Full PDB file with SEQRES, HELIX, SHEET, SSBOND, CRYST1, ORIGX, SCALE, CONECT and MASTER records, all heavy atoms in Angstrom:
SEQRES   1 A   40  LYS MET PHE ALA TYR TYR ASP ARG PHE GLY LEU ILE GLY          
SEQRES   2 A   40  SER PRO SER VAL LEU ALA TRP LEU LEU ARG ARG GLN PRO          
SEQRES   3 A   40  THR THR PHE GLU GLU PHE VAL SER ARG THR VAL LEU GLU          
SEQRES   4 A   40  ARG                                                          
HELIX    1 AA1 MET A    2  PHE A    9  1                                   8    
HELIX    2 AA2 SER A   16  LEU A   22  1                                   7    
HELIX    3 AA3 PHE A   29  GLU A   39  1                                  11    
CRYST1    1.000    1.000    1.000  90.00  90.00  90.00 P 1           1          
ORIGX1      1.000000  0.000000  0.000000        0.00000                         
ORIGX2      0.000000  1.000000  0.000000        0.00000                         
ORIGX3      0.000000  0.000000  1.000000        0.00000                         
SCALE1      1.000000  0.000000  0.000000        0.00000                         
SCALE2      0.000000  1.000000  0.000000        0.00000                         
SCALE3      0.000000  0.000000  1.000000        0.00000                         
ATOM      1  N   LYS A   1     -11.157   8.484 -12.499  1.00  0.00           N  
ATOM      2  CA  LYS A   1     -11.969   8.387 -11.285  1.00  0.00           C  
ATOM      3  C   LYS A   1     -11.520   7.208 -10.416  1.00  0.00           C  
ATOM      4  O   LYS A   1     -11.524   7.292  -9.183  1.00  0.00           O  
ATOM      5  CB  LYS A   1     -13.443   8.261 -11.645  1.00  0.00           C  
ATOM      6  CG  LYS A   1     -14.027   9.534 -12.252  1.00  0.00           C  
ATOM      7  CD  LYS A   1     -15.472   9.343 -12.675  1.00  0.00           C  
ATOM      8  CE  LYS A   1     -16.024  10.626 -13.292  1.00  0.00           C  
ATOM      9  NZ  LYS A   1     -17.416  10.466 -13.762  1.00  0.00           N  
ATOM     10  N   MET A   2     -11.118   6.128 -11.069  1.00  0.00           N  
ATOM     11  CA  MET A   2     -10.619   4.976 -10.328  1.00  0.00           C  
ATOM     12  C   MET A   2      -9.313   5.326  -9.610  1.00  0.00           C  
ATOM     13  O   MET A   2      -9.127   4.981  -8.432  1.00  0.00           O  
ATOM     14  CB  MET A   2     -10.400   3.793 -11.273  1.00  0.00           C  
ATOM     15  CG  MET A   2      -9.930   2.519 -10.570  1.00  0.00           C  
ATOM     16  SD  MET A   2      -9.571   1.170 -11.732  1.00  0.00           S  
ATOM     17  CE  MET A   2      -7.950   1.691 -12.326  1.00  0.00           C  
ATOM     18  N   PHE A   3      -8.411   6.020 -10.295  1.00  0.00           N  
ATOM     19  CA  PHE A   3      -7.143   6.409  -9.664  1.00  0.00           C  
ATOM     20  C   PHE A   3      -7.399   7.298  -8.443  1.00  0.00           C  
ATOM     21  O   PHE A   3      -6.738   7.150  -7.412  1.00  0.00           O  
ATOM     22  CB  PHE A   3      -6.256   7.149 -10.660  1.00  0.00           C  
ATOM     23  CG  PHE A   3      -5.901   6.371 -11.899  1.00  0.00           C  
ATOM     24  CD1 PHE A   3      -5.602   7.031 -13.087  1.00  0.00           C  
ATOM     25  CD2 PHE A   3      -5.863   4.985 -11.895  1.00  0.00           C  
ATOM     26  CE1 PHE A   3      -5.280   6.327 -14.232  1.00  0.00           C  
ATOM     27  CE2 PHE A   3      -5.538   4.267 -13.043  1.00  0.00           C  
ATOM     28  CZ  PHE A   3      -5.254   4.948 -14.218  1.00  0.00           C  
ATOM     29  N   ALA A   4      -8.355   8.221  -8.568  1.00  0.00           N  
ATOM     30  CA  ALA A   4      -8.685   9.106  -7.449  1.00  0.00           C  
ATOM     31  C   ALA A   4      -9.229   8.295  -6.269  1.00  0.00           C  
ATOM     32  O   ALA A   4      -8.913   8.574  -5.101  1.00  0.00           O  
ATOM     33  CB  ALA A   4      -9.690  10.164  -7.888  1.00  0.00           C  
ATOM     34  N   TYR A   5     -10.030   7.280  -6.564  1.00  0.00           N  
ATOM     35  CA  TYR A   5     -10.568   6.426  -5.503  1.00  0.00           C  
ATOM     36  C   TYR A   5      -9.436   5.641  -4.831  1.00  0.00           C  
ATOM     37  O   TYR A   5      -9.376   5.544  -3.593  1.00  0.00           O  
ATOM     38  CB  TYR A   5     -11.613   5.471  -6.080  1.00  0.00           C  
ATOM     39  CG  TYR A   5     -12.332   4.669  -5.023  1.00  0.00           C  
ATOM     40  CD1 TYR A   5     -13.492   5.147  -4.434  1.00  0.00           C  
ATOM     41  CD2 TYR A   5     -11.840   3.438  -4.603  1.00  0.00           C  
ATOM     42  CE1 TYR A   5     -14.148   4.420  -3.444  1.00  0.00           C  
ATOM     43  CE2 TYR A   5     -12.486   2.707  -3.624  1.00  0.00           C  
ATOM     44  CZ  TYR A   5     -13.639   3.196  -3.045  1.00  0.00           C  
ATOM     45  OH  TYR A   5     -14.267   2.475  -2.065  1.00  0.00           O  
ATOM     46  N   TYR A   6      -8.539   5.075  -5.638  1.00  0.00           N  
ATOM     47  CA  TYR A   6      -7.401   4.346  -5.081  1.00  0.00           C  
ATOM     48  C   TYR A   6      -6.586   5.242  -4.151  1.00  0.00           C  
ATOM     49  O   TYR A   6      -6.114   4.791  -3.094  1.00  0.00           O  
ATOM     50  CB  TYR A   6      -6.499   3.841  -6.201  1.00  0.00           C  
ATOM     51  CG  TYR A   6      -7.006   2.638  -6.963  1.00  0.00           C  
ATOM     52  CD1 TYR A   6      -8.233   2.039  -6.672  1.00  0.00           C  
ATOM     53  CD2 TYR A   6      -6.254   2.089  -8.006  1.00  0.00           C  
ATOM     54  CE1 TYR A   6      -8.679   0.938  -7.375  1.00  0.00           C  
ATOM     55  CE2 TYR A   6      -6.690   0.986  -8.720  1.00  0.00           C  
ATOM     56  CZ  TYR A   6      -7.893   0.421  -8.408  1.00  0.00           C  
ATOM     57  OH  TYR A   6      -8.341  -0.671  -9.111  1.00  0.00           O  
ATOM     58  N   ASP A   7      -6.379   6.501  -4.563  1.00  0.00           N  
ATOM     59  CA  ASP A   7      -5.614   7.444  -3.738  1.00  0.00           C  
ATOM     60  C   ASP A   7      -6.229   7.588  -2.352  1.00  0.00           C  
ATOM     61  O   ASP A   7      -5.519   7.644  -1.345  1.00  0.00           O  
ATOM     62  CB  ASP A   7      -5.584   8.826  -4.411  1.00  0.00           C  
ATOM     63  CG  ASP A   7      -4.363   9.014  -5.290  1.00  0.00           C  
ATOM     64  OD1 ASP A   7      -3.349   8.336  -5.066  1.00  0.00           O  
ATOM     65  OD2 ASP A   7      -4.415   9.848  -6.204  1.00  0.00           O  
ATOM     66  N   ARG A   8      -7.546   7.667  -2.305  1.00  0.00           N  
ATOM     67  CA  ARG A   8      -8.233   7.946  -1.045  1.00  0.00           C  
ATOM     68  C   ARG A   8      -8.453   6.699  -0.202  1.00  0.00           C  
ATOM     69  O   ARG A   8      -8.340   6.736   1.023  1.00  0.00           O  
ATOM     70  CB  ARG A   8      -9.578   8.618  -1.330  1.00  0.00           C  
ATOM     71  CG  ARG A   8      -9.471   9.995  -1.959  1.00  0.00           C  
ATOM     72  CD  ARG A   8     -10.835  10.527  -2.329  1.00  0.00           C  
ATOM     73  NE  ARG A   8     -11.700  10.690  -1.152  1.00  0.00           N  
ATOM     74  CZ  ARG A   8     -13.025  10.815  -1.216  1.00  0.00           C  
ATOM     75  NH1 ARG A   8     -13.637  10.769  -2.389  1.00  0.00           N  
ATOM     76  NH2 ARG A   8     -13.722  10.973  -0.106  1.00  0.00           N  
ATOM     77  N   PHE A   9      -8.786   5.582  -0.860  1.00  0.00           N  
ATOM     78  CA  PHE A   9      -9.275   4.428  -0.102  1.00  0.00           C  
ATOM     79  C   PHE A   9      -8.558   3.110  -0.395  1.00  0.00           C  
ATOM     80  O   PHE A   9      -8.739   2.154   0.352  1.00  0.00           O  
ATOM     81  CB  PHE A   9     -10.772   4.222  -0.380  1.00  0.00           C  
ATOM     82  CG  PHE A   9     -11.612   5.447  -0.189  1.00  0.00           C  
ATOM     83  CD1 PHE A   9     -12.212   6.072  -1.262  1.00  0.00           C  
ATOM     84  CD2 PHE A   9     -11.785   5.990   1.077  1.00  0.00           C  
ATOM     85  CE1 PHE A   9     -12.990   7.215  -1.080  1.00  0.00           C  
ATOM     86  CE2 PHE A   9     -12.556   7.119   1.265  1.00  0.00           C  
ATOM     87  CZ  PHE A   9     -13.164   7.736   0.185  1.00  0.00           C  
ATOM     88  N   GLY A  10      -7.787   3.044  -1.483  1.00  0.00           N  
ATOM     89  CA  GLY A  10      -7.276   1.744  -1.905  1.00  0.00           C  
ATOM     90  C   GLY A  10      -8.425   0.853  -2.367  1.00  0.00           C  
ATOM     91  O   GLY A  10      -9.539   1.315  -2.602  1.00  0.00           O  
ATOM     92  N   LEU A  11      -8.178  -0.446  -2.450  1.00  0.00           N  
ATOM     93  CA  LEU A  11      -9.240  -1.400  -2.790  1.00  0.00           C  
ATOM     94  C   LEU A  11      -8.808  -2.769  -2.274  1.00  0.00           C  
ATOM     95  O   LEU A  11      -7.925  -3.404  -2.858  1.00  0.00           O  
ATOM     96  CB  LEU A  11      -9.497  -1.446  -4.296  1.00  0.00           C  
ATOM     97  CG  LEU A  11     -10.773  -2.194  -4.709  1.00  0.00           C  
ATOM     98  CD1 LEU A  11     -12.024  -1.441  -4.257  1.00  0.00           C  
ATOM     99  CD2 LEU A  11     -10.825  -2.420  -6.213  1.00  0.00           C  
ATOM    100  N   ILE A  12      -9.437  -3.209  -1.190  1.00  0.00           N  
ATOM    101  CA  ILE A  12      -8.971  -4.395  -0.479  1.00  0.00           C  
ATOM    102  C   ILE A  12     -10.130  -5.365  -0.260  1.00  0.00           C  
ATOM    103  O   ILE A  12     -11.216  -4.962   0.153  1.00  0.00           O  
ATOM    104  CB  ILE A  12      -8.362  -4.010   0.887  1.00  0.00           C  
ATOM    105  CG1 ILE A  12      -7.177  -3.064   0.685  1.00  0.00           C  
ATOM    106  CG2 ILE A  12      -7.911  -5.255   1.656  1.00  0.00           C  
ATOM    107  CD1 ILE A  12      -6.642  -2.482   1.975  1.00  0.00           C  
ATOM    108  N   GLY A  13      -9.864  -6.631  -0.550  1.00  0.00           N  
ATOM    109  CA  GLY A  13     -10.838  -7.679  -0.291  1.00  0.00           C  
ATOM    110  C   GLY A  13     -10.204  -8.840   0.451  1.00  0.00           C  
ATOM    111  O   GLY A  13      -9.002  -8.849   0.724  1.00  0.00           O  
ATOM    112  N   SER A  14     -11.008  -9.843   0.747  1.00  0.00           N  
ATOM    113  CA  SER A  14     -10.550 -11.003   1.519  1.00  0.00           C  
ATOM    114  C   SER A  14     -10.135 -12.147   0.589  1.00  0.00           C  
ATOM    115  O   SER A  14     -10.821 -12.427  -0.405  1.00  0.00           O  
ATOM    116  CB  SER A  14     -11.672 -11.490   2.435  1.00  0.00           C  
ATOM    117  OG  SER A  14     -11.337 -12.753   2.986  1.00  0.00           O  
ATOM    118  N   PRO A  15      -9.034 -12.859   0.925  1.00  0.00           N  
ATOM    119  CA  PRO A  15      -8.616 -14.025   0.137  1.00  0.00           C  
ATOM    120  C   PRO A  15      -9.324 -15.321   0.527  1.00  0.00           C  
ATOM    121  O   PRO A  15      -9.106 -16.360  -0.100  1.00  0.00           O  
ATOM    122  CB  PRO A  15      -7.125 -14.123   0.449  1.00  0.00           C  
ATOM    123  CG  PRO A  15      -7.020 -13.620   1.849  1.00  0.00           C  
ATOM    124  CD  PRO A  15      -8.055 -12.521   1.969  1.00  0.00           C  
ATOM    125  N   SER A  16     -10.173 -15.286   1.532  1.00  0.00           N  
ATOM    126  CA  SER A  16     -10.713 -16.524   2.099  1.00  0.00           C  
ATOM    127  C   SER A  16     -11.529 -17.336   1.100  1.00  0.00           C  
ATOM    128  O   SER A  16     -11.389 -18.568   1.012  1.00  0.00           O  
ATOM    129  CB  SER A  16     -11.568 -16.205   3.330  1.00  0.00           C  
ATOM    130  OG  SER A  16     -10.815 -15.563   4.323  1.00  0.00           O  
ATOM    131  N   VAL A  17     -12.391 -16.672   0.354  1.00  0.00           N  
ATOM    132  CA  VAL A  17     -13.254 -17.399  -0.586  1.00  0.00           C  
ATOM    133  C   VAL A  17     -12.425 -18.016  -1.699  1.00  0.00           C  
ATOM    134  O   VAL A  17     -12.657 -19.165  -2.097  1.00  0.00           O  
ATOM    135  CB  VAL A  17     -14.337 -16.456  -1.159  1.00  0.00           C  
ATOM    136  CG1 VAL A  17     -15.104 -17.140  -2.275  1.00  0.00           C  
ATOM    137  CG2 VAL A  17     -15.296 -16.020  -0.057  1.00  0.00           C  
ATOM    138  N   LEU A  18     -11.454 -17.274  -2.218  1.00  0.00           N  
ATOM    139  CA  LEU A  18     -10.619 -17.822  -3.285  1.00  0.00           C  
ATOM    140  C   LEU A  18      -9.843 -19.035  -2.791  1.00  0.00           C  
ATOM    141  O   LEU A  18      -9.725 -20.039  -3.513  1.00  0.00           O  
ATOM    142  CB  LEU A  18      -9.663 -16.743  -3.807  1.00  0.00           C  
ATOM    143  CG  LEU A  18      -8.724 -17.166  -4.948  1.00  0.00           C  
ATOM    144  CD1 LEU A  18      -9.499 -17.718  -6.134  1.00  0.00           C  
ATOM    145  CD2 LEU A  18      -7.845 -15.987  -5.376  1.00  0.00           C  
ATOM    146  N   ALA A  19      -9.324 -18.983  -1.584  1.00  0.00           N  
ATOM    147  CA  ALA A  19      -8.604 -20.138  -1.029  1.00  0.00           C  
ATOM    148  C   ALA A  19      -9.523 -21.357  -0.940  1.00  0.00           C  
ATOM    149  O   ALA A  19      -9.113 -22.490  -1.258  1.00  0.00           O  
ATOM    150  CB  ALA A  19      -8.043 -19.795   0.351  1.00  0.00           C  
ATOM    151  N   TRP A  20     -10.752 -21.142  -0.527  1.00  0.00           N  
ATOM    152  CA  TRP A  20     -11.719 -22.249  -0.435  1.00  0.00           C  
ATOM    153  C   TRP A  20     -12.012 -22.834  -1.812  1.00  0.00           C  
ATOM    154  O   TRP A  20     -12.050 -24.055  -1.992  1.00  0.00           O  
ATOM    155  CB  TRP A  20     -13.002 -21.736   0.212  1.00  0.00           C  
ATOM    156  CG  TRP A  20     -14.132 -22.717   0.169  1.00  0.00           C  
ATOM    157  CD1 TRP A  20     -14.237 -23.877   0.864  1.00  0.00           C  
ATOM    158  CD2 TRP A  20     -15.321 -22.610  -0.633  1.00  0.00           C  
ATOM    159  NE1 TRP A  20     -15.427 -24.505   0.552  1.00  0.00           N  
ATOM    160  CE2 TRP A  20     -16.108 -23.755  -0.360  1.00  0.00           C  
ATOM    161  CE3 TRP A  20     -15.795 -21.657  -1.533  1.00  0.00           C  
ATOM    162  CZ2 TRP A  20     -17.329 -23.969  -0.978  1.00  0.00           C  
ATOM    163  CZ3 TRP A  20     -17.026 -21.870  -2.144  1.00  0.00           C  
ATOM    164  CH2 TRP A  20     -17.777 -23.010  -1.870  1.00  0.00           C  
ATOM    165  N   LEU A  21     -12.182 -21.958  -2.801  1.00  0.00           N  
ATOM    166  CA  LEU A  21     -12.503 -22.422  -4.153  1.00  0.00           C  
ATOM    167  C   LEU A  21     -11.327 -23.154  -4.802  1.00  0.00           C  
ATOM    168  O   LEU A  21     -11.516 -24.142  -5.517  1.00  0.00           O  
ATOM    169  CB  LEU A  21     -12.921 -21.241  -5.026  1.00  0.00           C  
ATOM    170  CG  LEU A  21     -14.293 -20.638  -4.718  1.00  0.00           C  
ATOM    171  CD1 LEU A  21     -14.424 -19.259  -5.347  1.00  0.00           C  
ATOM    172  CD2 LEU A  21     -15.413 -21.551  -5.205  1.00  0.00           C  
ATOM    173  N   LEU A  22     -10.108 -22.673  -4.561  1.00  0.00           N  
ATOM    174  CA  LEU A  22      -8.927 -23.301  -5.148  1.00  0.00           C  
ATOM    175  C   LEU A  22      -8.516 -24.568  -4.405  1.00  0.00           C  
ATOM    176  O   LEU A  22      -7.773 -25.400  -4.947  1.00  0.00           O  
ATOM    177  CB  LEU A  22      -7.752 -22.320  -5.120  1.00  0.00           C  
ATOM    178  CG  LEU A  22      -7.829 -21.099  -6.031  1.00  0.00           C  
ATOM    179  CD1 LEU A  22      -6.700 -20.132  -5.708  1.00  0.00           C  
ATOM    180  CD2 LEU A  22      -7.773 -21.513  -7.497  1.00  0.00           C  
ATOM    181  N   ARG A  23      -8.965 -24.677  -3.136  1.00  0.00           N  
ATOM    182  CA  ARG A  23      -8.540 -25.762  -2.248  1.00  0.00           C  
ATOM    183  C   ARG A  23      -7.038 -25.682  -1.967  1.00  0.00           C  
ATOM    184  O   ARG A  23      -6.373 -26.703  -1.762  1.00  0.00           O  
ATOM    185  CB  ARG A  23      -8.927 -27.131  -2.828  1.00  0.00           C  
ATOM    186  CG  ARG A  23     -10.425 -27.239  -3.100  1.00  0.00           C  
ATOM    187  CD  ARG A  23     -10.837 -28.543  -3.730  1.00  0.00           C  
ATOM    188  NE  ARG A  23     -12.236 -28.499  -4.123  1.00  0.00           N  
ATOM    189  CZ  ARG A  23     -12.682 -28.774  -5.338  1.00  0.00           C  
ATOM    190  NH1 ARG A  23     -11.835 -29.130  -6.288  1.00  0.00           N  
ATOM    191  NH2 ARG A  23     -13.968 -28.708  -5.616  1.00  0.00           N  
ATOM    192  N   ARG A  24      -6.542 -24.475  -1.976  1.00  0.00           N  
ATOM    193  CA  ARG A  24      -5.149 -24.174  -1.630  1.00  0.00           C  
ATOM    194  C   ARG A  24      -5.062 -22.668  -1.416  1.00  0.00           C  
ATOM    195  O   ARG A  24      -6.012 -21.934  -1.698  1.00  0.00           O  
ATOM    196  CB  ARG A  24      -4.183 -24.590  -2.745  1.00  0.00           C  
ATOM    197  CG  ARG A  24      -4.421 -23.862  -4.080  1.00  0.00           C  
ATOM    198  CD  ARG A  24      -3.251 -24.049  -5.013  1.00  0.00           C  
ATOM    199  NE  ARG A  24      -3.501 -23.555  -6.347  1.00  0.00           N  
ATOM    200  CZ  ARG A  24      -3.471 -22.277  -6.732  1.00  0.00           C  
ATOM    201  NH1 ARG A  24      -3.221 -21.315  -5.835  1.00  0.00           N  
ATOM    202  NH2 ARG A  24      -3.691 -21.938  -7.981  1.00  0.00           N  
ATOM    203  N   GLN A  25      -3.928 -22.194  -0.942  1.00  0.00           N  
ATOM    204  CA  GLN A  25      -3.743 -20.761  -0.791  1.00  0.00           C  
ATOM    205  C   GLN A  25      -3.584 -20.101  -2.165  1.00  0.00           C  
ATOM    206  O   GLN A  25      -2.937 -20.662  -3.056  1.00  0.00           O  
ATOM    207  CB  GLN A  25      -2.512 -20.471   0.069  1.00  0.00           C  
ATOM    208  CG  GLN A  25      -2.734 -20.751   1.542  1.00  0.00           C  
ATOM    209  CD  GLN A  25      -3.906 -19.952   2.097  1.00  0.00           C  
ATOM    210  OE1 GLN A  25      -3.948 -18.723   2.011  1.00  0.00           O  
ATOM    211  NE2 GLN A  25      -4.883 -20.659   2.665  1.00  0.00           N  
ATOM    212  N   PRO A  26      -4.186 -18.937  -2.369  1.00  0.00           N  
ATOM    213  CA  PRO A  26      -4.008 -18.243  -3.643  1.00  0.00           C  
ATOM    214  C   PRO A  26      -2.545 -17.884  -3.889  1.00  0.00           C  
ATOM    215  O   PRO A  26      -1.741 -17.770  -2.956  1.00  0.00           O  
ATOM    216  CB  PRO A  26      -4.855 -16.976  -3.476  1.00  0.00           C  
ATOM    217  CG  PRO A  26      -5.816 -17.284  -2.381  1.00  0.00           C  
ATOM    218  CD  PRO A  26      -5.103 -18.226  -1.466  1.00  0.00           C  
ATOM    219  N   THR A  27      -2.211 -17.694  -5.142  1.00  0.00           N  
ATOM    220  CA  THR A  27      -0.857 -17.331  -5.543  1.00  0.00           C  
ATOM    221  C   THR A  27      -0.470 -15.979  -4.949  1.00  0.00           C  
ATOM    222  O   THR A  27      -1.239 -15.022  -5.008  1.00  0.00           O  
ATOM    223  CB  THR A  27      -0.771 -17.252  -7.074  1.00  0.00           C  
ATOM    224  OG1 THR A  27      -1.176 -18.513  -7.623  1.00  0.00           O  
ATOM    225  CG2 THR A  27       0.631 -16.916  -7.545  1.00  0.00           C  
ATOM    226  N   THR A  28       0.718 -15.907  -4.364  1.00  0.00           N  
ATOM    227  CA  THR A  28       1.219 -14.625  -3.865  1.00  0.00           C  
ATOM    228  C   THR A  28       1.806 -13.825  -5.017  1.00  0.00           C  
ATOM    229  O   THR A  28       2.139 -14.371  -6.079  1.00  0.00           O  
ATOM    230  CB  THR A  28       2.306 -14.824  -2.800  1.00  0.00           C  
ATOM    231  OG1 THR A  28       3.472 -15.404  -3.431  1.00  0.00           O  
ATOM    232  CG2 THR A  28       1.827 -15.729  -1.674  1.00  0.00           C  
ATOM    233  N   PHE A  29       1.981 -12.532  -4.786  1.00  0.00           N  
ATOM    234  CA  PHE A  29       2.574 -11.700  -5.829  1.00  0.00           C  
ATOM    235  C   PHE A  29       4.013 -12.126  -6.105  1.00  0.00           C  
ATOM    236  O   PHE A  29       4.448 -12.151  -7.265  1.00  0.00           O  
ATOM    237  CB  PHE A  29       2.511 -10.224  -5.441  1.00  0.00           C  
ATOM    238  CG  PHE A  29       3.036  -9.308  -6.523  1.00  0.00           C  
ATOM    239  CD1 PHE A  29       2.363  -9.174  -7.722  1.00  0.00           C  
ATOM    240  CD2 PHE A  29       4.214  -8.606  -6.337  1.00  0.00           C  
ATOM    241  CE1 PHE A  29       2.846  -8.351  -8.733  1.00  0.00           C  
ATOM    242  CE2 PHE A  29       4.707  -7.771  -7.328  1.00  0.00           C  
ATOM    243  CZ  PHE A  29       4.019  -7.640  -8.529  1.00  0.00           C  
ATOM    244  N   GLU A  30       4.745 -12.475  -5.081  1.00  0.00           N  
ATOM    245  CA  GLU A  30       6.126 -12.918  -5.297  1.00  0.00           C  
ATOM    246  C   GLU A  30       6.174 -14.201  -6.116  1.00  0.00           C  
ATOM    247  O   GLU A  30       7.034 -14.355  -6.998  1.00  0.00           O  
ATOM    248  CB  GLU A  30       6.847 -13.100  -3.968  1.00  0.00           C  
ATOM    249  CG  GLU A  30       8.309 -13.449  -4.129  1.00  0.00           C  
ATOM    250  CD  GLU A  30       9.155 -13.108  -2.915  1.00  0.00           C  
ATOM    251  OE1 GLU A  30       8.659 -12.428  -1.990  1.00  0.00           O  
ATOM    252  OE2 GLU A  30      10.331 -13.505  -2.902  1.00  0.00           O  
ATOM    253  N   GLU A  31       5.249 -15.118  -5.864  1.00  0.00           N  
ATOM    254  CA  GLU A  31       5.184 -16.343  -6.680  1.00  0.00           C  
ATOM    255  C   GLU A  31       4.861 -16.009  -8.125  1.00  0.00           C  
ATOM    256  O   GLU A  31       5.433 -16.601  -9.055  1.00  0.00           O  
ATOM    257  CB  GLU A  31       4.136 -17.293  -6.099  1.00  0.00           C  
ATOM    258  CG  GLU A  31       4.549 -17.929  -4.783  1.00  0.00           C  
ATOM    259  CD  GLU A  31       3.410 -18.643  -4.082  1.00  0.00           C  
ATOM    260  OE1 GLU A  31       2.222 -18.368  -4.403  1.00  0.00           O  
ATOM    261  OE2 GLU A  31       3.704 -19.462  -3.192  1.00  0.00           O  
ATOM    262  N   PHE A  32       3.954 -15.059  -8.330  1.00  0.00           N  
ATOM    263  CA  PHE A  32       3.612 -14.652  -9.694  1.00  0.00           C  
ATOM    264  C   PHE A  32       4.820 -14.049 -10.408  1.00  0.00           C  
ATOM    265  O   PHE A  32       5.101 -14.390 -11.563  1.00  0.00           O  
ATOM    266  CB  PHE A  32       2.469 -13.635  -9.662  1.00  0.00           C  
ATOM    267  CG  PHE A  32       2.310 -12.887 -10.950  1.00  0.00           C  
ATOM    268  CD1 PHE A  32       1.756 -13.499 -12.071  1.00  0.00           C  
ATOM    269  CD2 PHE A  32       2.746 -11.569 -11.066  1.00  0.00           C  
ATOM    270  CE1 PHE A  32       1.638 -12.811 -13.277  1.00  0.00           C  
ATOM    271  CE2 PHE A  32       2.625 -10.873 -12.252  1.00  0.00           C  
ATOM    272  CZ  PHE A  32       2.069 -11.500 -13.365  1.00  0.00           C  
ATOM    273  N   VAL A  33       5.552 -13.159  -9.736  1.00  0.00           N  
ATOM    274  CA  VAL A  33       6.713 -12.526 -10.368  1.00  0.00           C  
ATOM    275  C   VAL A  33       7.787 -13.567 -10.669  1.00  0.00           C  
ATOM    276  O   VAL A  33       8.397 -13.550 -11.753  1.00  0.00           O  
ATOM    277  CB  VAL A  33       7.277 -11.392  -9.485  1.00  0.00           C  
ATOM    278  CG1 VAL A  33       8.534 -10.790 -10.119  1.00  0.00           C  
ATOM    279  CG2 VAL A  33       6.230 -10.306  -9.273  1.00  0.00           C  
ATOM    280  N   SER A  34       8.026 -14.475  -9.748  1.00  0.00           N  
ATOM    281  CA  SER A  34       9.025 -15.531  -9.977  1.00  0.00           C  
ATOM    282  C   SER A  34       8.643 -16.372 -11.187  1.00  0.00           C  
ATOM    283  O   SER A  34       9.512 -16.737 -12.008  1.00  0.00           O  
ATOM    284  CB  SER A  34       9.147 -16.415  -8.733  1.00  0.00           C  
ATOM    285  OG  SER A  34       9.601 -15.669  -7.625  1.00  0.00           O  
ATOM    286  N   ARG A  35       7.370 -16.707 -11.321  1.00  0.00           N  
ATOM    287  CA  ARG A  35       6.901 -17.469 -12.490  1.00  0.00           C  
ATOM    288  C   ARG A  35       7.099 -16.672 -13.770  1.00  0.00           C  
ATOM    289  O   ARG A  35       7.547 -17.206 -14.795  1.00  0.00           O  
ATOM    290  CB  ARG A  35       5.416 -17.815 -12.300  1.00  0.00           C  
ATOM    291  CG  ARG A  35       4.865 -18.766 -13.347  1.00  0.00           C  
ATOM    292  CD  ARG A  35       3.389 -19.010 -13.106  1.00  0.00           C  
ATOM    293  NE  ARG A  35       2.569 -17.902 -13.546  1.00  0.00           N  
ATOM    294  CZ  ARG A  35       1.423 -17.524 -12.956  1.00  0.00           C  
ATOM    295  NH1 ARG A  35       0.997 -18.146 -11.876  1.00  0.00           N  
ATOM    296  NH2 ARG A  35       0.736 -16.518 -13.453  1.00  0.00           N  
ATOM    297  N   THR A  36       6.799 -15.380 -13.712  1.00  0.00           N  
ATOM    298  CA  THR A  36       6.956 -14.526 -14.883  1.00  0.00           C  
ATOM    299  C   THR A  36       8.415 -14.440 -15.308  1.00  0.00           C  
ATOM    300  O   THR A  36       8.745 -14.497 -16.501  1.00  0.00           O  
ATOM    301  CB  THR A  36       6.418 -13.107 -14.585  1.00  0.00           C  
ATOM    302  OG1 THR A  36       5.031 -13.204 -14.264  1.00  0.00           O  
ATOM    303  CG2 THR A  36       6.610 -12.184 -15.778  1.00  0.00           C  
ATOM    304  N   VAL A  37       9.311 -14.321 -14.332  1.00  0.00           N  
ATOM    305  CA  VAL A  37      10.742 -14.255 -14.623  1.00  0.00           C  
ATOM    306  C   VAL A  37      11.191 -15.518 -15.347  1.00  0.00           C  
ATOM    307  O   VAL A  37      11.925 -15.461 -16.343  1.00  0.00           O  
ATOM    308  CB  VAL A  37      11.547 -14.043 -13.325  1.00  0.00           C  
ATOM    309  CG1 VAL A  37      13.023 -14.329 -13.538  1.00  0.00           C  
ATOM    310  CG2 VAL A  37      11.360 -12.621 -12.807  1.00  0.00           C  
ATOM    311  N   LEU A  38      10.745 -16.669 -14.864  1.00  0.00           N  
ATOM    312  CA  LEU A  38      11.113 -17.932 -15.521  1.00  0.00           C  
ATOM    313  C   LEU A  38      10.539 -18.005 -16.928  1.00  0.00           C  
ATOM    314  O   LEU A  38      11.232 -18.432 -17.865  1.00  0.00           O  
ATOM    315  CB  LEU A  38      10.606 -19.110 -14.689  1.00  0.00           C  
ATOM    316  CG  LEU A  38      11.330 -19.353 -13.358  1.00  0.00           C  
ATOM    317  CD1 LEU A  38      10.630 -20.450 -12.572  1.00  0.00           C  
ATOM    318  CD2 LEU A  38      12.786 -19.696 -13.585  1.00  0.00           C  
ATOM    319  N   GLU A  39       9.285 -17.572 -17.098  1.00  0.00           N  
ATOM    320  CA  GLU A  39       8.651 -17.628 -18.416  1.00  0.00           C  
ATOM    321  C   GLU A  39       9.340 -16.697 -19.410  1.00  0.00           C  
ATOM    322  O   GLU A  39       9.405 -16.988 -20.599  1.00  0.00           O  
ATOM    323  CB  GLU A  39       7.169 -17.255 -18.293  1.00  0.00           C  
ATOM    324  CG  GLU A  39       6.338 -18.299 -17.572  1.00  0.00           C  
ATOM    325  CD  GLU A  39       4.936 -17.817 -17.280  1.00  0.00           C  
ATOM    326  OE1 GLU A  39       4.635 -16.620 -17.453  1.00  0.00           O  
ATOM    327  OE2 GLU A  39       4.127 -18.663 -16.839  1.00  0.00           O  
ATOM    328  N   ARG A  40       9.860 -15.580 -18.905  1.00  0.00           N  
ATOM    329  CA  ARG A  40      10.478 -14.597 -19.789  1.00  0.00           C  
ATOM    330  C   ARG A  40      11.999 -14.709 -19.840  1.00  0.00           C  
ATOM    331  O   ARG A  40      12.668 -13.875 -20.434  1.00  0.00           O  
ATOM    332  CB  ARG A  40      10.078 -13.188 -19.350  1.00  0.00           C  
ATOM    333  CG  ARG A  40       8.574 -12.955 -19.488  1.00  0.00           C  
ATOM    334  CD  ARG A  40       8.173 -11.551 -19.136  1.00  0.00           C  
ATOM    335  NE  ARG A  40       6.742 -11.375 -19.417  1.00  0.00           N  
ATOM    336  CZ  ARG A  40       6.212 -10.312 -20.011  1.00  0.00           C  
ATOM    337  NH1 ARG A  40       6.988  -9.295 -20.374  1.00  0.00           N  
ATOM    338  NH2 ARG A  40       4.931 -10.236 -20.234  1.00  0.00           N  
TER     339      ARG A  40                                                      
MASTER        0    0    0    3    0    0    0    6  338    1    0    4          
END                                                                             
């Protein structure tokens, strides 16, 4: 059911609150992948 919902609508939220809580910009996907590559 989740996959069917993603097909129709996706699932998108705002990064603003997380940035405020972290006191910095949230990690980008590219930053995450680069970190994973180094770890592995």
